[in-house]
Amino acid sequence: MQSKSKRQTEQACRSLPDLVTYPCPIKLPDVDILQIWHHRTKDDPLQAWLRQHIKAALQRI
């Protein structure tokens, strides 16, 4: 199975024909991404919508 990053790289190369890629010479660790917000905005519908869309976008990569 092909990794998401490889598929994204191939898509970028198709979109940007002058783009040149090189293999990474070192193993990079996985990165945890956290969302943090102020308690005042916890129940704000617009903020909840934005957080959900950010979460969905990050789950695709």
C-alpha atoms as a PDB file:
ATOM      1  CA  MET A   1       0.000   0.000   0.000  1.00  0.00           C
ATOM      2  CA  GLN A   2       1.279   3.424  -0.938  1.00  0.00           C
ATOM      3  CA  SER A   3       1.703   5.997   1.854  1.00  0.00           C
ATOM      4  CA  LYS A   4      -0.362   9.182   1.908  1.00  0.00           C
ATOM      5  CA  SER A   5       2.765  11.305   1.729  1.00  0.00           C
ATOM      6  CA  LYS A   6       3.919   9.473  -1.398  1.00  0.00           C
ATOM      7  CA  ARG A   7       0.519   9.957  -3.055  1.00  0.00           C
ATOM      8  CA  GLN A   8       0.559  13.643  -2.121  1.00  0.00           C
ATOM      9  CA  THR A   9       4.057  14.020  -3.517  1.00  0.00           C
ATOM     10  CA  GLU A  10       3.046  12.385  -6.777  1.00  0.00           C
ATOM     11  CA  GLN A  11      -0.007  14.638  -7.007  1.00  0.00           C
ATOM     12  CA  ALA A  12       2.145  17.730  -6.404  1.00  0.00           C
ATOM     13  CA  CYS A  13       4.570  16.603  -9.112  1.00  0.00           C
ATOM     14  CA  ARG A  14       1.708  16.228 -11.585  1.00  0.00           C
ATOM     15  CA  SER A  15       0.438  19.713 -10.716  1.00  0.00           C
ATOM     16  CA  LEU A  16       3.888  21.304 -10.732  1.00  0.00           C
ATOM     17  CA  PRO A  17       5.938  19.769 -13.558  1.00  0.00           C
ATOM     18  CA  ASP A  18       9.089  21.724 -12.591  1.00  0.00           C
ATOM     19  CA  LEU A  19       9.018  20.355  -9.046  1.00  0.00           C
ATOM     20  CA  VAL A  20      11.994  18.123  -8.238  1.00  0.00           C
ATOM     21  CA  THR A  21      11.857  15.707  -5.301  1.00  0.00           C
ATOM     22  CA  TYR A  22      14.603  13.873  -3.449  1.00  0.00           C
ATOM     23  CA  PRO A  23      14.363  11.064  -0.902  1.00  0.00           C
ATOM     24  CA  CYS A  24      14.822  12.182   2.682  1.00  0.00           C
ATOM     25  CA  PRO A  25      18.264  11.036   3.863  1.00  0.00           C
ATOM     26  CA  ILE A  26      17.116  10.411   7.451  1.00  0.00           C
ATOM     27  CA  LYS A  27      14.131   8.761   9.154  1.00  0.00           C
ATOM     28  CA  LEU A  28      11.769  11.423  10.458  1.00  0.00           C
ATOM     29  CA  PRO A  29       9.658  10.720  13.538  1.00  0.00           C
ATOM     30  CA  ASP A  30       5.871  10.869  13.475  1.00  0.00           C
ATOM     31  CA  VAL A  31       4.455  14.165  14.722  1.00  0.00           C
ATOM     32  CA  ASP A  32       1.489  14.591  17.048  1.00  0.00           C
ATOM     33  CA  ILE A  33      -0.679  17.602  16.259  1.00  0.00           C
ATOM     34  CA  LEU A  34      -2.932  19.052  18.947  1.00  0.00           C
ATOM     35  CA  GLN A  35      -5.650  21.679  18.777  1.00  0.00           C
ATOM     36  CA  ILE A  36      -5.898  23.973  21.772  1.00  0.00           C
ATOM     37  CA  TRP A  37      -8.524  26.658  22.306  1.00  0.00           C
ATOM     38  CA  HIS A  38      -9.735  28.929  25.076  1.00  0.00           C
ATOM     39  CA  HIS A  39     -12.582  27.608  27.225  1.00  0.00           C
ATOM     40  CA  ARG A  40     -14.718  30.610  26.208  1.00  0.00           C
ATOM     41  CA  THR A  41     -14.825  29.332  22.615  1.00  0.00           C
ATOM     42  CA  LYS A  42     -15.424  25.677  23.477  1.00  0.00           C
ATOM     43  CA  ASP A  43     -19.157  25.833  22.717  1.00  0.00           C
ATOM     44  CA  ASP A  44     -19.042  28.443  19.947  1.00  0.00           C
ATOM     45  CA  PRO A  45     -20.616  26.845  16.831  1.00  0.00           C
ATOM     46  CA  LEU A  46     -18.269  28.594  14.399  1.00  0.00           C
ATOM     47  CA  GLN A  47     -15.200  27.586  16.398  1.00  0.00           C
ATOM     48  CA  ALA A  48     -16.473  23.992  16.634  1.00  0.00           C
ATOM     49  CA  TRP A  49     -17.037  23.964  12.865  1.00  0.00           C
ATOM     50  CA  LEU A  50     -13.512  25.267  12.246  1.00  0.00           C
ATOM     51  CA  ARG A  51     -11.929  22.748  14.616  1.00  0.00           C
ATOM     52  CA  GLN A  52     -13.816  19.896  12.925  1.00  0.00           C
ATOM     53  CA  HIS A  53     -12.680  20.999   9.467  1.00  0.00           C
ATOM     54  CA  ILE A  54      -9.074  21.302  10.617  1.00  0.00           C
ATOM     55  CA  LYS A  55      -9.284  17.825  12.167  1.00  0.00           C
ATOM     56  CA  ALA A  56     -10.771  16.345   8.982  1.00  0.00           C
ATOM     57  CA  ALA A  57      -8.098  17.984   6.810  1.00  0.00           C
ATOM     58  CA  LEU A  58      -5.287  16.699   9.017  1.00  0.00           C
ATOM     59  CA  GLN A  59      -6.693  13.167   9.036  1.00  0.00           C
ATOM     60  CA  ARG A  60      -6.346  13.081   5.238  1.00  0.00           C
ATOM     61  CA  ILE A  61      -2.590  13.658   5.362  1.00  0.00           C
END
